[in-house]
PDB file of N, CA and C in Angstrom:
ATOM      1  N   MET A   1      11.831   2.276   4.258  1.00  0.00           N
ATOM      2  CA  MET A   1      11.515   1.375   5.345  1.00  0.00           C
ATOM      3  C   MET A   1      11.735  -0.067   4.896  1.00  0.00           C
ATOM      4  N   ILE A   2      12.082  -0.866   5.851  1.00  0.00           N
ATOM      5  CA  ILE A   2      12.283  -2.290   5.599  1.00  0.00           C
ATOM      6  C   ILE A   2      11.295  -3.074   6.456  1.00  0.00           C
ATOM      7  N   ALA A   3      10.568  -3.988   5.828  1.00  0.00           N
ATOM      8  CA  ALA A   3       9.669  -4.893   6.546  1.00  0.00           C
ATOM      9  C   ALA A   3      10.428  -6.188   6.805  1.00  0.00           C
ATOM     10  N   TYR A   4      10.280  -6.717   8.010  1.00  0.00           N
ATOM     11  CA  TYR A   4      10.971  -7.956   8.353  1.00  0.00           C
ATOM     12  C   TYR A   4      10.198  -8.702   9.436  1.00  0.00           C
ATOM     13  N   THR A   5      10.649  -9.907   9.751  1.00  0.00           N
ATOM     14  CA  THR A   5      10.057 -10.724  10.801  1.00  0.00           C
ATOM     15  C   THR A   5      10.917 -10.613  12.049  1.00  0.00           C
ATOM     16  N   SER A   6      10.277 -10.342  13.184  1.00  0.00           N
ATOM     17  CA  SER A   6      10.986 -10.199  14.455  1.00  0.00           C
ATOM     18  C   SER A   6      10.412 -11.183  15.470  1.00  0.00           C
ATOM     19  N   ARG A   7      11.291 -11.843  16.202  1.00  0.00           N
ATOM     20  CA  ARG A   7      10.837 -12.789  17.229  1.00  0.00           C
ATOM     21  C   ARG A   7      10.588 -12.020  18.529  1.00  0.00           C
ATOM     22  N   LEU A   8       9.351 -12.092  19.006  1.00  0.00           N
ATOM     23  CA  LEU A   8       8.956 -11.413  20.239  1.00  0.00           C
ATOM     24  C   LEU A   8       8.182 -12.373  21.123  1.00  0.00           C
ATOM     25  N   GLU A   9       8.635 -12.538  22.334  1.00  0.00           N
ATOM     26  CA  GLU A   9       7.933 -13.368  23.313  1.00  0.00           C
ATOM     27  C   GLU A   9       7.571 -14.744  22.764  1.00  0.00           C
ATOM     28  N   GLY A  10       8.513 -15.360  22.061  1.00  0.00           N
ATOM     29  CA  GLY A  10       8.331 -16.726  21.591  1.00  0.00           C
ATOM     30  C   GLY A  10       7.587 -16.900  20.285  1.00  0.00           C
ATOM     31  N   LYS A  11       7.210 -15.802  19.617  1.00  0.00           N
ATOM     32  CA  LYS A  11       6.553 -15.932  18.315  1.00  0.00           C
ATOM     33  C   LYS A  11       7.066 -14.845  17.382  1.00  0.00           C
ATOM     34  N   PHE A  12       6.737 -14.984  16.101  1.00  0.00           N
ATOM     35  CA  PHE A  12       7.224 -14.058  15.089  1.00  0.00           C
ATOM     36  C   PHE A  12       6.145 -13.055  14.704  1.00  0.00           C
ATOM     37  N   GLU A  13       6.549 -11.788  14.589  1.00  0.00           N
ATOM     38  CA  GLU A  13       5.661 -10.697  14.207  1.00  0.00           C
ATOM     39  C   GLU A  13       6.287  -9.920  13.051  1.00  0.00           C
ATOM     40  N   ILE A  14       5.461  -9.175  12.315  1.00  0.00           N
ATOM     41  CA  ILE A  14       5.946  -8.324  11.232  1.00  0.00           C
ATOM     42  C   ILE A  14       6.328  -6.971  11.834  1.00  0.00           C
ATOM     43  N   ALA A  15       7.515  -6.501  11.480  1.00  0.00           N
ATOM     44  CA  ALA A  15       8.020  -5.227  11.991  1.00  0.00           C
ATOM     45  C   ALA A  15       8.512  -4.365  10.841  1.00  0.00           C
ATOM     46  N   LEU A  16       8.574  -3.052  11.097  1.00  0.00           N
ATOM     47  CA  LEU A  16       9.127  -2.097  10.135  1.00  0.00           C
ATOM     48  C   LEU A  16      10.324  -1.408  10.760  1.00  0.00           C
ATOM     49  N   LEU A  17      11.377  -1.263   9.985  1.00  0.00           N
ATOM     50  CA  LEU A  17      12.546  -0.502  10.398  1.00  0.00           C
ATOM     51  C   LEU A  17      12.620   0.743   9.536  1.00  0.00           C
ATOM     52  N   ASN A  18      12.550   1.914  10.175  1.00  0.00           N
ATOM     53  CA  ASN A  18      12.709   3.177   9.475  1.00  0.00           C
ATOM     54  C   ASN A  18      14.206   3.453   9.387  1.00  0.00           C
ATOM     55  N   LEU A  19      14.744   3.487   8.189  1.00  0.00           N
ATOM     56  CA  LEU A  19      16.180   3.668   8.020  1.00  0.00           C
ATOM     57  C   LEU A  19      16.635   5.081   8.373  1.00  0.00           C
ATOM     58  N   GLY A  20      15.723   6.049   8.336  1.00  0.00           N
ATOM     59  CA  GLY A  20      16.083   7.426   8.657  1.00  0.00           C
ATOM     60  C   GLY A  20      16.435   7.623  10.121  1.00  0.00           C
ATOM     61  N   ASP A  21      15.569   7.133  11.010  1.00  0.00           N
ATOM     62  CA  ASP A  21      15.800   7.330  12.444  1.00  0.00           C
ATOM     63  C   ASP A  21      16.038   6.016  13.192  1.00  0.00           C
ATOM     64  N   GLU A  22      16.104   4.910  12.461  1.00  0.00           N
ATOM     65  CA  GLU A  22      16.343   3.569  13.012  1.00  0.00           C
ATOM     66  C   GLU A  22      15.271   3.138  14.018  1.00  0.00           C
ATOM     67  N   LYS A  23      14.078   3.717  13.917  1.00  0.00           N
ATOM     68  CA  LYS A  23      12.961   3.318  14.770  1.00  0.00           C
ATOM     69  C   LYS A  23      12.353   2.025  14.264  1.00  0.00           C
ATOM     70  N   VAL A  24      11.977   1.161  15.183  1.00  0.00           N
ATOM     71  CA  VAL A  24      11.314  -0.098  14.855  1.00  0.00           C
ATOM     72  C   VAL A  24       9.865  -0.009  15.309  1.00  0.00           C
ATOM     73  N   GLU A  25       8.961  -0.428  14.438  1.00  0.00           N
ATOM     74  CA  GLU A  25       7.538  -0.464  14.771  1.00  0.00           C
ATOM     75  C   GLU A  25       7.022  -1.873  14.519  1.00  0.00           C
ATOM     76  N   ILE A  26       6.432  -2.480  15.535  1.00  0.00           N
ATOM     77  CA  ILE A  26       5.833  -3.807  15.401  1.00  0.00           C
ATOM     78  C   ILE A  26       4.415  -3.614  14.869  1.00  0.00           C
ATOM     79  N   LEU A  27       4.090  -4.280  13.758  1.00  0.00           N
ATOM     80  CA  LEU A  27       2.807  -4.070  13.092  1.00  0.00           C
ATOM     81  C   LEU A  27       1.753  -5.121  13.412  1.00  0.00           C
ATOM     82  N   THR A  28       2.162  -6.293  13.868  1.00  0.00           N
ATOM     83  CA  THR A  28       1.208  -7.377  14.112  1.00  0.00           C
ATOM     84  C   THR A  28       1.273  -7.831  15.566  1.00  0.00           C
ATOM     85  N   SER A  29       0.254  -8.549  15.964  1.00  0.00           N
ATOM     86  CA  SER A  29       0.210  -9.153  17.295  1.00  0.00           C
ATOM     87  C   SER A  29      -0.823 -10.273  17.240  1.00  0.00           C
ATOM     88  N   GLY A  30      -1.017 -10.929  18.344  1.00  0.00           N
ATOM     89  CA  GLY A  30      -2.048 -11.959  18.398  1.00  0.00           C
ATOM     90  C   GLY A  30      -1.527 -13.346  18.075  1.00  0.00           C
ATOM     91  N   GLN A  31      -2.460 -14.227  17.826  1.00  0.00           N
ATOM     92  CA  GLN A  31      -2.184 -15.645  17.634  1.00  0.00           C
ATOM     93  C   GLN A  31      -1.349 -15.908  16.388  1.00  0.00           C
ATOM     94  N   GLY A  32      -0.475 -16.889  16.477  1.00  0.00           N
ATOM     95  CA  GLY A  32       0.265 -17.373  15.318  1.00  0.00           C
ATOM     96  C   GLY A  32       1.554 -16.626  15.037  1.00  0.00           C
ATOM     97  N   ASN A  33       2.339 -17.211  14.146  1.00  0.00           N
ATOM     98  CA  ASN A  33       3.587 -16.620  13.679  1.00  0.00           C
ATOM     99  C   ASN A  33       3.338 -15.924  12.357  1.00  0.00           C
ATOM    100  N   LYS A  34       3.765 -14.677  12.254  1.00  0.00           N
ATOM    101  CA  LYS A  34       3.619 -13.914  11.012  1.00  0.00           C
ATOM    102  C   LYS A  34       4.994 -13.809  10.375  1.00  0.00           C
ATOM    103  N   GLU A  35       5.110 -14.249   9.114  1.00  0.00           N
ATOM    104  CA  GLU A  35       6.421 -14.356   8.472  1.00  0.00           C
ATOM    105  C   GLU A  35       6.344 -13.968   6.998  1.00  0.00           C
ATOM    106  N   ASP A  36       7.504 -13.858   6.384  1.00  0.00           N
ATOM    107  CA  ASP A  36       7.644 -13.664   4.931  1.00  0.00           C
ATOM    108  C   ASP A  36       6.967 -12.396   4.412  1.00  0.00           C
ATOM    109  N   PRO A  37       7.221 -11.221   5.010  1.00  0.00           N
ATOM    110  CA  PRO A  37       6.564 -10.007   4.516  1.00  0.00           C
ATOM    111  C   PRO A  37       7.036  -9.614   3.121  1.00  0.00           C
ATOM    112  N   SER A  38       6.118  -9.098   2.322  1.00  0.00           N
ATOM    113  CA  SER A  38       6.423  -8.610   0.971  1.00  0.00           C
ATOM    114  C   SER A  38       5.587  -7.355   0.714  1.00  0.00           C
ATOM    115  N   TRP A  39       6.242  -6.273   0.299  1.00  0.00           N
ATOM    116  CA  TRP A  39       5.561  -4.994   0.057  1.00  0.00           C
ATOM    117  C   TRP A  39       4.661  -5.047  -1.162  1.00  0.00           C
ATOM    118  N   ALA A  40       3.508  -4.398  -1.052  1.00  0.00           N
ATOM    119  CA  ALA A  40       2.630  -4.179  -2.207  1.00  0.00           C
ATOM    120  C   ALA A  40       3.227  -3.047  -3.041  1.00  0.00           C
ATOM    121  N   PRO A  41       2.972  -3.046  -4.345  1.00  0.00           N
ATOM    122  CA  PRO A  41       3.477  -1.958  -5.192  1.00  0.00           C
ATOM    123  C   PRO A  41       3.011  -0.570  -4.739  1.00  0.00           C
ATOM    124  N   ASN A  42       1.858  -0.479  -4.050  1.00  0.00           N
ATOM    125  CA  ASN A  42       1.361   0.826  -3.600  1.00  0.00           C
ATOM    126  C   ASN A  42       2.080   1.355  -2.360  1.00  0.00           C
ATOM    127  N   GLY A  43       2.932   0.529  -1.729  1.00  0.00           N
ATOM    128  CA  GLY A  43       3.689   0.952  -0.561  1.00  0.00           C
ATOM    129  C   GLY A  43       2.873   1.090   0.710  1.00  0.00           C
ATOM    130  N   ARG A  44       1.609   0.747   0.665  1.00  0.00           N
ATOM    131  CA  ARG A  44       0.723   0.890   1.821  1.00  0.00           C
ATOM    132  C   ARG A  44       0.418  -0.452   2.493  1.00  0.00           C
ATOM    133  N   GLN A  45       0.589  -1.540   1.771  1.00  0.00           N
ATOM    134  CA  GLN A  45       0.216  -2.852   2.288  1.00  0.00           C
ATOM    135  C   GLN A  45       1.397  -3.814   2.229  1.00  0.00           C
ATOM    136  N   ILE A  46       1.293  -4.833   3.072  1.00  0.00           N
ATOM    137  CA  ILE A  46       2.268  -5.919   3.094  1.00  0.00           C
ATOM    138  C   ILE A  46       1.478  -7.219   3.068  1.00  0.00           C
ATOM    139  N   VAL A  47       1.898  -8.149   2.231  1.00  0.00           N
ATOM    140  CA  VAL A  47       1.330  -9.493   2.271  1.00  0.00           C
ATOM    141  C   VAL A  47       2.299 -10.344   3.096  1.00  0.00           C
ATOM    142  N   PHE A  48       1.757 -11.252   3.903  1.00  0.00           N
ATOM    143  CA  PHE A  48       2.602 -12.100   4.742  1.00  0.00           C
ATOM    144  C   PHE A  48       1.913 -13.432   4.982  1.00  0.00           C
ATOM    145  N   SER A  49       2.686 -14.411   5.427  1.00  0.00           N
ATOM    146  CA  SER A  49       2.089 -15.695   5.791  1.00  0.00           C
ATOM    147  C   SER A  49       1.907 -15.728   7.306  1.00  0.00           C
ATOM    148  N   LYS A  50       0.771 -16.268   7.716  1.00  0.00           N
ATOM    149  CA  LYS A  50       0.455 -16.415   9.134  1.00  0.00           C
ATOM    150  C   LYS A  50       0.307 -17.901   9.418  1.00  0.00           C
ATOM    151  N   ARG A  51       1.153 -18.388  10.312  1.00  0.00           N
ATOM    152  CA  ARG A  51       1.150 -19.812  10.644  1.00  0.00           C
ATOM    153  C   ARG A  51       0.576 -20.010  12.041  1.00  0.00           C
ATOM    154  N   VAL A  52      -0.480 -20.817  12.100  1.00  0.00           N
ATOM    155  CA  VAL A  52      -1.079 -21.225  13.365  1.00  0.00           C
ATOM    156  C   VAL A  52      -1.056 -22.742  13.364  1.00  0.00           C
ATOM    157  N   GLY A  53      -0.325 -23.320  14.296  1.00  0.00           N
ATOM    158  CA  GLY A  53      -0.156 -24.772  14.293  1.00  0.00           C
ATOM    159  C   GLY A  53       0.622 -25.201  13.065  1.00  0.00           C
ATOM    160  N   TYR A  54       0.050 -26.119  12.294  1.00  0.00           N
ATOM    161  CA  TYR A  54       0.722 -26.622  11.090  1.00  0.00           C
ATOM    162  C   TYR A  54       0.157 -26.015   9.811  1.00  0.00           C
ATOM    163  N   LYS A  55      -0.660 -24.994   9.923  1.00  0.00           N
ATOM    164  CA  LYS A  55      -1.336 -24.413   8.764  1.00  0.00           C
ATOM    165  C   LYS A  55      -0.871 -22.972   8.543  1.00  0.00           C
ATOM    166  N   SER A  56      -0.502 -22.642   7.304  1.00  0.00           N
ATOM    167  CA  SER A  56      -0.096 -21.283   6.949  1.00  0.00           C
ATOM    168  C   SER A  56      -1.036 -20.717   5.899  1.00  0.00           C
ATOM    169  N   ASN A  57      -1.484 -19.489   6.114  1.00  0.00           N
ATOM    170  CA  ASN A  57      -2.350 -18.791   5.171  1.00  0.00           C
ATOM    171  C   ASN A  57      -1.770 -17.418   4.883  1.00  0.00           C
ATOM    172  N   LEU A  58      -2.218 -16.795   3.797  1.00  0.00           N
ATOM    173  CA  LEU A  58      -1.740 -15.471   3.431  1.00  0.00           C
ATOM    174  C   LEU A  58      -2.698 -14.404   3.943  1.00  0.00           C
ATOM    175  N   HIS A  59      -2.118 -13.308   4.419  1.00  0.00           N
ATOM    176  CA  HIS A  59      -2.884 -12.178   4.935  1.00  0.00           C
ATOM    177  C   HIS A  59      -2.344 -10.891   4.331  1.00  0.00           C
ATOM    178  N   ILE A  60      -3.204  -9.875   4.266  1.00  0.00           N
ATOM    179  CA  ILE A  60      -2.832  -8.533   3.819  1.00  0.00           C
ATOM    180  C   ILE A  60      -2.853  -7.623   5.045  1.00  0.00           C
ATOM    181  N   LEU A  61      -1.832  -6.791   5.181  1.00  0.00           N
ATOM    182  CA  LEU A  61      -1.710  -5.870   6.304  1.00  0.00           C
ATOM    183  C   LEU A  61      -1.607  -4.443   5.789  1.00  0.00           C
ATOM    184  N   ASP A  62      -2.438  -3.551   6.320  1.00  0.00           N
ATOM    185  CA  ASP A  62      -2.338  -2.122   6.025  1.00  0.00           C
ATOM    186  C   ASP A  62      -1.346  -1.534   7.026  1.00  0.00           C
ATOM    187  N   ILE A  63      -0.245  -0.953   6.555  1.00  0.00           N
ATOM    188  CA  ILE A  63       0.794  -0.504   7.480  1.00  0.00           C
ATOM    189  C   ILE A  63       0.378   0.725   8.285  1.00  0.00           C
ATOM    190  N   TYR A  64      -0.618   1.470   7.832  1.00  0.00           N
ATOM    191  CA  TYR A  64      -1.051   2.668   8.551  1.00  0.00           C
ATOM    192  C   TYR A  64      -2.081   2.361   9.628  1.00  0.00           C
ATOM    193  N   THR A  65      -3.012   1.480   9.349  1.00  0.00           N
ATOM    194  CA  THR A  65      -4.037   1.134  10.340  1.00  0.00           C
ATOM    195  C   THR A  65      -3.638  -0.077  11.183  1.00  0.00           C
ATOM    196  N   LYS A  66      -2.663  -0.848  10.714  1.00  0.00           N
ATOM    197  CA  LYS A  66      -2.212  -2.100  11.340  1.00  0.00           C
ATOM    198  C   LYS A  66      -3.301  -3.174  11.335  1.00  0.00           C
ATOM    199  N   GLU A  67      -4.295  -3.009  10.483  1.00  0.00           N
ATOM    200  CA  GLU A  67      -5.345  -4.020  10.346  1.00  0.00           C
ATOM    201  C   GLU A  67      -4.939  -5.018   9.275  1.00  0.00           C
ATOM    202  N   SER A  68      -5.241  -6.285   9.530  1.00  0.00           N
ATOM    203  CA  SER A  68      -4.952  -7.317   8.532  1.00  0.00           C
ATOM    204  C   SER A  68      -6.186  -8.167   8.315  1.00  0.00           C
ATOM    205  N   TYR A  69      -6.220  -8.793   7.159  1.00  0.00           N
ATOM    206  CA  TYR A  69      -7.331  -9.685   6.833  1.00  0.00           C
ATOM    207  C   TYR A  69      -6.795 -10.822   5.973  1.00  0.00           C
ATOM    208  N   PRO A  70      -7.466 -11.983   6.015  1.00  0.00           N
ATOM    209  CA  PRO A  70      -7.002 -13.124   5.230  1.00  0.00           C
ATOM    210  C   PRO A  70      -7.180 -12.896   3.732  1.00  0.00           C
ATOM    211  N   LEU A  71      -6.174 -13.268   2.988  1.00  0.00           N
ATOM    212  CA  LEU A  71      -6.225 -13.225   1.529  1.00  0.00           C
ATOM    213  C   LEU A  71      -6.571 -14.609   0.997  1.00  0.00           C
ATOM    214  N   ILE A  72      -5.885 -15.616   1.500  1.00  0.00           N
ATOM    215  CA  ILE A  72      -6.126 -17.011   1.108  1.00  0.00           C
ATOM    216  C   ILE A  72      -6.148 -17.852   2.375  1.00  0.00           C
ATOM    217  N   GLU A  73      -7.204 -18.628   2.532  1.00  0.00           N
ATOM    218  CA  GLU A  73      -7.278 -19.601   3.612  1.00  0.00           C
ATOM    219  C   GLU A  73      -7.740 -20.905   2.992  1.00  0.00           C
ATOM    220  N   GLY A  74      -7.068 -21.962   3.307  1.00  0.00           N
ATOM    221  CA  GLY A  74      -7.453 -23.229   2.717  1.00  0.00           C
ATOM    222  C   GLY A  74      -6.822 -24.393   3.439  1.00  0.00           C
ATOM    223  N   LYS A  75      -6.888 -25.530   2.795  1.00  0.00           N
ATOM    224  CA  LYS A  75      -6.351 -26.746   3.392  1.00  0.00           C
ATOM    225  C   LYS A  75      -4.834 -26.816   3.286  1.00  0.00           C
ATOM    226  N   GLY A  76      -4.265 -26.142   2.303  1.00  0.00           N
ATOM    227  CA  GLY A  76      -2.823 -26.215   2.089  1.00  0.00           C
ATOM    228  C   GLY A  76      -2.058 -25.230   2.942  1.00  0.00           C
ATOM    229  N   ASN A  77      -0.770 -25.172   2.693  1.00  0.00           N
ATOM    230  CA  ASN A  77       0.096 -24.208   3.347  1.00  0.00           C
ATOM    231  C   ASN A  77       0.542 -23.194   2.321  1.00  0.00           C
ATOM    232  N   TYR A  78       0.345 -21.927   2.630  1.00  0.00           N
ATOM    233  CA  TYR A  78       0.706 -20.842   1.730  1.00  0.00           C
ATOM    234  C   TYR A  78       1.799 -20.022   2.406  1.00  0.00           C
ATOM    235  N   THR A  79       2.976 -19.983   1.794  1.00  0.00           N
ATOM    236  CA  THR A  79       4.109 -19.268   2.376  1.00  0.00           C
ATOM    237  C   THR A  79       4.866 -18.502   1.302  1.00  0.00           C
ATOM    238  N   SER A  80       5.744 -17.630   1.747  1.00  0.00           N
ATOM    239  CA  SER A  80       6.666 -16.870   0.887  1.00  0.00           C
ATOM    240  C   SER A  80       5.961 -16.108  -0.230  1.00  0.00           C
ATOM    241  N   PRO A  81       4.967 -15.282   0.087  1.00  0.00           N
ATOM    242  CA  PRO A  81       4.273 -14.524  -0.954  1.00  0.00           C
ATOM    243  C   PRO A  81       5.167 -13.425  -1.525  1.00  0.00           C
ATOM    244  N   ALA A  82       4.889 -13.028  -2.744  1.00  0.00           N
ATOM    245  CA  ALA A  82       5.603 -11.912  -3.385  1.00  0.00           C
ATOM    246  C   ALA A  82       4.647 -11.215  -4.335  1.00  0.00           C
ATOM    247  N   TRP A  83       4.653  -9.881  -4.323  1.00  0.00           N
ATOM    248  CA  TRP A  83       3.824  -9.091  -5.230  1.00  0.00           C
ATOM    249  C   TRP A  83       4.508  -8.986  -6.576  1.00  0.00           C
ATOM    250  N   SER A  84       3.723  -8.871  -7.621  1.00  0.00           N
ATOM    251  CA  SER A  84       4.301  -8.527  -8.919  1.00  0.00           C
ATOM    252  C   SER A  84       4.511  -7.011  -8.924  1.00  0.00           C
ATOM    253  N   PRO A  85       5.401  -6.496  -9.775  1.00  0.00           N
ATOM    254  CA  PRO A  85       5.673  -5.059  -9.778  1.00  0.00           C
ATOM    255  C   PRO A  85       4.459  -4.199 -10.102  1.00  0.00           C
ATOM    256  N   LYS A  86       3.479  -4.717 -10.841  1.00  0.00           N
ATOM    257  CA  LYS A  86       2.308  -3.914 -11.215  1.00  0.00           C
ATOM    258  C   LYS A  86       1.034  -4.663 -10.953  1.00  0.00           C
TER     259      LYS A  86
END
């Protein structure tokens, strides 16, 4: 599977493309633009940046439950996350 950012109804969401059957599944919704997905080494989670207005924070997304929660929230802008291999 490939995780990517897809523009839907004027904002960006995290999507999955299954290469076997070419099915697309949108994993996020709601406020803000979700961008820069990066797979966790366990293959179950994706870290991404969520931008609301001029502020970007990092969030973790469980691909099976589609639930996400903030990883880092602060005064700065956090973008382009990447997991280490281990």
